[in-house]
């Protein structure tokens, strides 16, 4: 299941990040978004969602949310 399919308010554990872009991997890692880390979808919008990772909240688009496997 991808993050795009996640329910709001429920905590999930990231299983893996599926992307071929090394810069994107590095960016996600800098946010604390990597395998084994907890992530929660706080709210959804039309083309993006707000997620909580560690102590931060981030707005990510649906394309990126599909790359995060939970």
PDB file of N, CA and C in Angstrom:
ATOM      1  N   UNK A   1       0.854  -1.179   0.000  1.00  0.00           N
ATOM      2  CA  UNK A   1       0.000   0.000   0.000  1.00  0.00           C
ATOM      3  C   UNK A   1       0.900   1.243   0.000  1.00  0.00           C
ATOM      4  N   UNK A   2       0.481   2.260  -0.716  1.00  0.00           N
ATOM      5  CA  UNK A   2       1.254   3.498  -0.751  1.00  0.00           C
ATOM      6  C   UNK A   2       0.673   4.519   0.220  1.00  0.00           C
ATOM      7  N   UNK A   3       1.427   5.553   0.467  1.00  0.00           N
ATOM      8  CA  UNK A   3       0.974   6.609   1.368  1.00  0.00           C
ATOM      9  C   UNK A   3      -0.260   7.312   0.813  1.00  0.00           C
ATOM     10  N   UNK A   4      -0.398   7.329  -0.499  1.00  0.00           N
ATOM     11  CA  UNK A   4      -1.564   7.969  -1.117  1.00  0.00           C
ATOM     12  C   UNK A   4      -2.862   7.283  -0.698  1.00  0.00           C
ATOM     13  N   UNK A   5      -2.800   5.990  -0.389  1.00  0.00           N
ATOM     14  CA  UNK A   5      -3.978   5.212   0.001  1.00  0.00           C
ATOM     15  C   UNK A   5      -4.212   5.184   1.510  1.00  0.00           C
ATOM     16  N   UNK A   6      -3.352   5.824   2.289  1.00  0.00           N
ATOM     17  CA  UNK A   6      -3.431   5.776   3.752  1.00  0.00           C
ATOM     18  C   UNK A   6      -4.626   6.557   4.283  1.00  0.00           C
ATOM     19  N   UNK A   7      -5.113   6.120   5.434  1.00  0.00           N
ATOM     20  CA  UNK A   7      -6.205   6.820   6.114  1.00  0.00           C
ATOM     21  C   UNK A   7      -5.640   7.991   6.908  1.00  0.00           C
ATOM     22  N   UNK A   8      -6.422   9.052   6.988  1.00  0.00           N
ATOM     23  CA  UNK A   8      -6.016  10.215   7.785  1.00  0.00           C
ATOM     24  C   UNK A   8      -6.003   9.850   9.263  1.00  0.00           C
ATOM     25  N   UNK A   9      -4.999  10.329   9.971  1.00  0.00           N
ATOM     26  CA  UNK A   9      -4.926  10.169  11.415  1.00  0.00           C
ATOM     27  C   UNK A   9      -4.374   8.847  11.889  1.00  0.00           C
ATOM     28  N   UNK A  10      -4.125   7.897  11.008  1.00  0.00           N
ATOM     29  CA  UNK A  10      -3.588   6.598  11.399  1.00  0.00           C
ATOM     30  C   UNK A  10      -2.083   6.567  11.161  1.00  0.00           C
ATOM     31  N   UNK A  11      -1.347   6.043  12.138  1.00  0.00           N
ATOM     32  CA  UNK A  11       0.109   5.972  12.011  1.00  0.00           C
ATOM     33  C   UNK A  11       0.518   4.711  11.258  1.00  0.00           C
ATOM     34  N   UNK A  12       1.445   4.864  10.340  1.00  0.00           N
ATOM     35  CA  UNK A  12       1.966   3.755   9.544  1.00  0.00           C
ATOM     36  C   UNK A  12       3.486   3.728   9.669  1.00  0.00           C
ATOM     37  N   UNK A  13       4.066   2.583   9.349  1.00  0.00           N
ATOM     38  CA  UNK A  13       5.522   2.442   9.310  1.00  0.00           C
ATOM     39  C   UNK A  13       5.943   2.374   7.848  1.00  0.00           C
ATOM     40  N   UNK A  14       6.924   3.171   7.481  1.00  0.00           N
ATOM     41  CA  UNK A  14       7.418   3.182   6.106  1.00  0.00           C
ATOM     42  C   UNK A  14       8.193   1.894   5.852  1.00  0.00           C
ATOM     43  N   UNK A  15       7.780   1.167   4.815  1.00  0.00           N
ATOM     44  CA  UNK A  15       8.459  -0.071   4.447  1.00  0.00           C
ATOM     45  C   UNK A  15       9.628   0.200   3.505  1.00  0.00           C
ATOM     46  N   UNK A  16       9.384   1.066   2.508  1.00  0.00           N
ATOM     47  CA  UNK A  16      10.447   1.417   1.567  1.00  0.00           C
ATOM     48  C   UNK A  16      10.056   2.642   0.759  1.00  0.00           C
ATOM     49  N   UNK A  17      11.044   3.216   0.102  1.00  0.00           N
ATOM     50  CA  UNK A  17      10.842   4.347  -0.798  1.00  0.00           C
ATOM     51  C   UNK A  17      11.168   3.853  -2.201  1.00  0.00           C
ATOM     52  N   UNK A  18      10.214   3.943  -3.125  1.00  0.00           N
ATOM     53  CA  UNK A  18      10.420   3.472  -4.495  1.00  0.00           C
ATOM     54  C   UNK A  18      10.624   4.656  -5.429  1.00  0.00           C
ATOM     55  N   UNK A  19      11.881   5.001  -5.633  1.00  0.00           N
ATOM     56  CA  UNK A  19      12.219   6.063  -6.566  1.00  0.00           C
ATOM     57  C   UNK A  19      13.626   5.813  -7.114  1.00  0.00           C
ATOM     58  N   UNK A  20      13.843   6.223  -8.346  1.00  0.00           N
ATOM     59  CA  UNK A  20      15.158   6.079  -8.970  1.00  0.00           C
ATOM     60  C   UNK A  20      15.992   7.354  -8.846  1.00  0.00           C
ATOM     61  N   UNK A  21      15.409   8.393  -8.282  1.00  0.00           N
ATOM     62  CA  UNK A  21      16.052   9.698  -8.170  1.00  0.00           C
ATOM     63  C   UNK A  21      16.834   9.788  -6.856  1.00  0.00           C
ATOM     64  N   UNK A  22      18.152   9.843  -6.944  1.00  0.00           N
ATOM     65  CA  UNK A  22      18.989   9.907  -5.742  1.00  0.00           C
ATOM     66  C   UNK A  22      18.775  11.198  -4.961  1.00  0.00           C
ATOM     67  N   UNK A  23      18.532  12.310  -5.667  1.00  0.00           N
ATOM     68  CA  UNK A  23      18.283  13.586  -4.986  1.00  0.00           C
ATOM     69  C   UNK A  23      17.000  13.522  -4.175  1.00  0.00           C
ATOM     70  N   UNK A  24      15.984  12.882  -4.733  1.00  0.00           N
ATOM     71  CA  UNK A  24      14.717  12.732  -4.022  1.00  0.00           C
ATOM     72  C   UNK A  24      14.902  11.842  -2.797  1.00  0.00           C
ATOM     73  N   UNK A  25      15.644  10.771  -2.937  1.00  0.00           N
ATOM     74  CA  UNK A  25      15.941   9.906  -1.788  1.00  0.00           C
ATOM     75  C   UNK A  25      16.649  10.686  -0.685  1.00  0.00           C
ATOM     76  N   UNK A  26      17.624  11.488  -1.063  1.00  0.00           N
ATOM     77  CA  UNK A  26      18.363  12.283  -0.084  1.00  0.00           C
ATOM     78  C   UNK A  26      17.456  13.310   0.590  1.00  0.00           C
ATOM     79  N   UNK A  27      16.570  13.923  -0.196  1.00  0.00           N
ATOM     80  CA  UNK A  27      15.637  14.901   0.360  1.00  0.00           C
ATOM     81  C   UNK A  27      14.705  14.246   1.375  1.00  0.00           C
ATOM     82  N   UNK A  28      14.118  13.119   1.010  1.00  0.00           N
ATOM     83  CA  UNK A  28      13.221  12.412   1.926  1.00  0.00           C
ATOM     84  C   UNK A  28      13.957  11.970   3.190  1.00  0.00           C
ATOM     85  N   UNK A  29      15.177  11.502   3.032  1.00  0.00           N
ATOM     86  CA  UNK A  29      15.973  11.094   4.185  1.00  0.00           C
ATOM     87  C   UNK A  29      16.214  12.277   5.117  1.00  0.00           C
ATOM     88  N   UNK A  30      16.450  13.458   4.552  1.00  0.00           N
ATOM     89  CA  UNK A  30      16.684  14.648   5.380  1.00  0.00           C
ATOM     90  C   UNK A  30      15.436  15.048   6.167  1.00  0.00           C
ATOM     91  N   UNK A  31      14.250  14.676   5.656  1.00  0.00           N
ATOM     92  CA  UNK A  31      13.002  14.940   6.377  1.00  0.00           C
ATOM     93  C   UNK A  31      12.727  13.887   7.452  1.00  0.00           C
ATOM     94  N   UNK A  32      13.481  12.797   7.413  1.00  0.00           N
ATOM     95  CA  UNK A  32      13.233  11.700   8.344  1.00  0.00           C
ATOM     96  C   UNK A  32      12.332  10.644   7.751  1.00  0.00           C
ATOM     97  N   UNK A  33      12.156  10.669   6.451  1.00  0.00           N
ATOM     98  CA  UNK A  33      11.280   9.742   5.745  1.00  0.00           C
ATOM     99  C   UNK A  33      12.132   8.611   5.158  1.00  0.00           C
ATOM    100  N   UNK A  34      12.246   7.499   5.902  1.00  0.00           N
ATOM    101  CA  UNK A  34      13.024   6.354   5.454  1.00  0.00           C
ATOM    102  C   UNK A  34      12.435   5.087   6.074  1.00  0.00           C
ATOM    103  N   UNK A  35      12.865   3.939   5.602  1.00  0.00           N
ATOM    104  CA  UNK A  35      12.330   2.651   6.057  1.00  0.00           C
ATOM    105  C   UNK A  35      12.405   2.515   7.566  1.00  0.00           C
ATOM    106  N   UNK A  36      11.301   2.048   8.155  1.00  0.00           N
ATOM    107  CA  UNK A  36      11.238   1.835   9.596  1.00  0.00           C
ATOM    108  C   UNK A  36      10.725   3.011  10.388  1.00  0.00           C
ATOM    109  N   UNK A  37      10.574   4.157   9.763  1.00  0.00           N
ATOM    110  CA  UNK A  37      10.120   5.375  10.452  1.00  0.00           C
ATOM    111  C   UNK A  37       8.595   5.458  10.414  1.00  0.00           C
ATOM    112  N   UNK A  38       8.009   5.996  11.470  1.00  0.00           N
ATOM    113  CA  UNK A  38       6.555   6.187  11.535  1.00  0.00           C
ATOM    114  C   UNK A  38       6.152   7.427  10.742  1.00  0.00           C
ATOM    115  N   UNK A  39       4.991   7.347  10.086  1.00  0.00           N
ATOM    116  CA  UNK A  39       4.464   8.470   9.312  1.00  0.00           C
ATOM    117  C   UNK A  39       2.952   8.482   9.459  1.00  0.00           C
ATOM    118  N   UNK A  40       2.373   9.669   9.536  1.00  0.00           N
ATOM    119  CA  UNK A  40       0.925   9.829   9.676  1.00  0.00           C
ATOM    120  C   UNK A  40       0.432  10.852   8.670  1.00  0.00           C
ATOM    121  N   UNK A  41      -0.669  10.520   7.971  1.00  0.00           N
ATOM    122  CA  UNK A  41      -1.317  11.496   7.090  1.00  0.00           C
ATOM    123  C   UNK A  41      -2.227  12.352   7.963  1.00  0.00           C
ATOM    124  N   UNK A  42      -1.916  13.639   8.050  1.00  0.00           N
ATOM    125  CA  UNK A  42      -2.685  14.555   8.894  1.00  0.00           C
ATOM    126  C   UNK A  42      -3.956  15.004   8.162  1.00  0.00           C
ATOM    127  N   UNK A  43      -3.810  15.380   6.891  1.00  0.00           N
ATOM    128  CA  UNK A  43      -4.974  15.788   6.096  1.00  0.00           C
ATOM    129  C   UNK A  43      -4.664  15.635   4.620  1.00  0.00           C
ATOM    130  N   UNK A  44      -5.714  15.649   3.824  1.00  0.00           N
ATOM    131  CA  UNK A  44      -5.589  15.509   2.380  1.00  0.00           C
ATOM    132  C   UNK A  44      -6.168  16.720   1.674  1.00  0.00           C
ATOM    133  N   UNK A  45      -5.543  17.035   0.547  1.00  0.00           N
ATOM    134  CA  UNK A  45      -6.055  18.050  -0.349  1.00  0.00           C
ATOM    135  C   UNK A  45      -6.195  17.402  -1.722  1.00  0.00           C
ATOM    136  N   UNK A  46      -6.598  18.165  -2.716  1.00  0.00           N
ATOM    137  CA  UNK A  46      -6.845  17.595  -4.035  1.00  0.00           C
ATOM    138  C   UNK A  46      -5.608  16.930  -4.631  1.00  0.00           C
ATOM    139  N   UNK A  47      -4.479  17.598  -4.622  1.00  0.00           N
ATOM    140  CA  UNK A  47      -3.268  17.084  -5.264  1.00  0.00           C
ATOM    141  C   UNK A  47      -2.120  16.823  -4.308  1.00  0.00           C
ATOM    142  N   UNK A  48      -2.380  16.833  -3.011  1.00  0.00           N
ATOM    143  CA  UNK A  48      -1.307  16.628  -2.044  1.00  0.00           C
ATOM    144  C   UNK A  48      -1.872  16.178  -0.702  1.00  0.00           C
ATOM    145  N   UNK A  49      -0.967  15.893   0.204  1.00  0.00           N
ATOM    146  CA  UNK A  49      -1.389  15.565   1.569  1.00  0.00           C
ATOM    147  C   UNK A  49      -0.355  16.118   2.543  1.00  0.00           C
ATOM    148  N   UNK A  50      -0.809  16.371   3.751  1.00  0.00           N
ATOM    149  CA  UNK A  50       0.070  16.842   4.813  1.00  0.00           C
ATOM    150  C   UNK A  50       0.388  15.639   5.685  1.00  0.00           C
ATOM    151  N   UNK A  51       1.686  15.399   5.890  1.00  0.00           N
ATOM    152  CA  UNK A  51       2.106  14.250   6.678  1.00  0.00           C
ATOM    153  C   UNK A  51       2.906  14.712   7.880  1.00  0.00           C
ATOM    154  N   UNK A  52       2.877  13.894   8.909  1.00  0.00           N
ATOM    155  CA  UNK A  52       3.665  14.139  10.107  1.00  0.00           C
ATOM    156  C   UNK A  52       4.751  13.067  10.187  1.00  0.00           C
ATOM    157  N   UNK A  53       6.002  13.524  10.203  1.00  0.00           N
ATOM    158  CA  UNK A  53       7.151  12.639  10.339  1.00  0.00           C
ATOM    159  C   UNK A  53       7.983  13.179  11.487  1.00  0.00           C
ATOM    160  N   UNK A  54       8.216  12.345  12.484  1.00  0.00           N
ATOM    161  CA  UNK A  54       8.911  12.772  13.702  1.00  0.00           C
ATOM    162  C   UNK A  54       8.182  13.989  14.273  1.00  0.00           C
ATOM    163  N   UNK A  55       8.854  15.120  14.422  1.00  0.00           N
ATOM    164  CA  UNK A  55       8.226  16.311  15.007  1.00  0.00           C
ATOM    165  C   UNK A  55       7.824  17.336  13.953  1.00  0.00           C
ATOM    166  N   UNK A  56       7.903  16.982  12.675  1.00  0.00           N
ATOM    167  CA  UNK A  56       7.607  17.944  11.620  1.00  0.00           C
ATOM    168  C   UNK A  56       6.378  17.572  10.808  1.00  0.00           C
ATOM    169  N   UNK A  57       5.809  18.591  10.178  1.00  0.00           N
ATOM    170  CA  UNK A  57       4.691  18.390   9.253  1.00  0.00           C
ATOM    171  C   UNK A  57       5.110  18.906   7.893  1.00  0.00           C
ATOM    172  N   UNK A  58       4.812  18.112   6.866  1.00  0.00           N
ATOM    173  CA  UNK A  58       5.242  18.434   5.511  1.00  0.00           C
ATOM    174  C   UNK A  58       4.100  18.227   4.529  1.00  0.00           C
ATOM    175  N   UNK A  59       4.064  19.056   3.507  1.00  0.00           N
ATOM    176  CA  UNK A  59       3.087  18.925   2.436  1.00  0.00           C
ATOM    177  C   UNK A  59       3.783  18.220   1.272  1.00  0.00           C
ATOM    178  N   UNK A  60       3.287  17.040   0.901  1.00  0.00           N
ATOM    179  CA  UNK A  60       3.883  16.307  -0.213  1.00  0.00           C
ATOM    180  C   UNK A  60       2.820  16.063  -1.278  1.00  0.00           C
ATOM    181  N   UNK A  61       3.234  16.073  -2.532  1.00  0.00           N
ATOM    182  CA  UNK A  61       2.273  15.868  -3.613  1.00  0.00           C
ATOM    183  C   UNK A  61       1.948  14.382  -3.767  1.00  0.00           C
ATOM    184  N   UNK A  62       0.878  14.090  -4.515  1.00  0.00           N
ATOM    185  CA  UNK A  62       0.413  12.720  -4.668  1.00  0.00           C
ATOM    186  C   UNK A  62       1.432  11.826  -5.374  1.00  0.00           C
ATOM    187  N   UNK A  63       2.201  12.380  -6.290  1.00  0.00           N
ATOM    188  CA  UNK A  63       3.199  11.595  -6.994  1.00  0.00           C
ATOM    189  C   UNK A  63       4.268  11.090  -5.999  1.00  0.00           C
ATOM    190  N   UNK A  64       4.695  11.948  -5.108  1.00  0.00           N
ATOM    191  CA  UNK A  64       5.662  11.553  -4.094  1.00  0.00           C
ATOM    192  C   UNK A  64       5.031  10.565  -3.103  1.00  0.00           C
ATOM    193  N   UNK A  65       3.771  10.784  -2.753  1.00  0.00           N
ATOM    194  CA  UNK A  65       3.075   9.888  -1.826  1.00  0.00           C
ATOM    195  C   UNK A  65       2.977   8.473  -2.388  1.00  0.00           C
ATOM    196  N   UNK A  66       2.891   8.356  -3.710  1.00  0.00           N
ATOM    197  CA  UNK A  66       2.833   7.030  -4.335  1.00  0.00           C
ATOM    198  C   UNK A  66       4.177   6.321  -4.271  1.00  0.00           C
ATOM    199  N   UNK A  67       5.258   7.040  -4.081  1.00  0.00           N
ATOM    200  CA  UNK A  67       6.593   6.436  -3.994  1.00  0.00           C
ATOM    201  C   UNK A  67       6.907   5.919  -2.594  1.00  0.00           C
ATOM    202  N   UNK A  68       6.096   6.315  -1.595  1.00  0.00           N
ATOM    203  CA  UNK A  68       6.335   5.904  -0.224  1.00  0.00           C
ATOM    204  C   UNK A  68       5.447   4.693   0.091  1.00  0.00           C
ATOM    205  N   UNK A  69       6.070   3.536   0.283  1.00  0.00           N
ATOM    206  CA  UNK A  69       5.356   2.286   0.547  1.00  0.00           C
ATOM    207  C   UNK A  69       5.236   2.099   2.051  1.00  0.00           C
ATOM    208  N   UNK A  70       4.003   1.875   2.509  1.00  0.00           N
ATOM    209  CA  UNK A  70       3.767   1.678   3.951  1.00  0.00           C
ATOM    210  C   UNK A  70       3.226   0.286   4.205  1.00  0.00           C
TER     211      UNK A  70
END
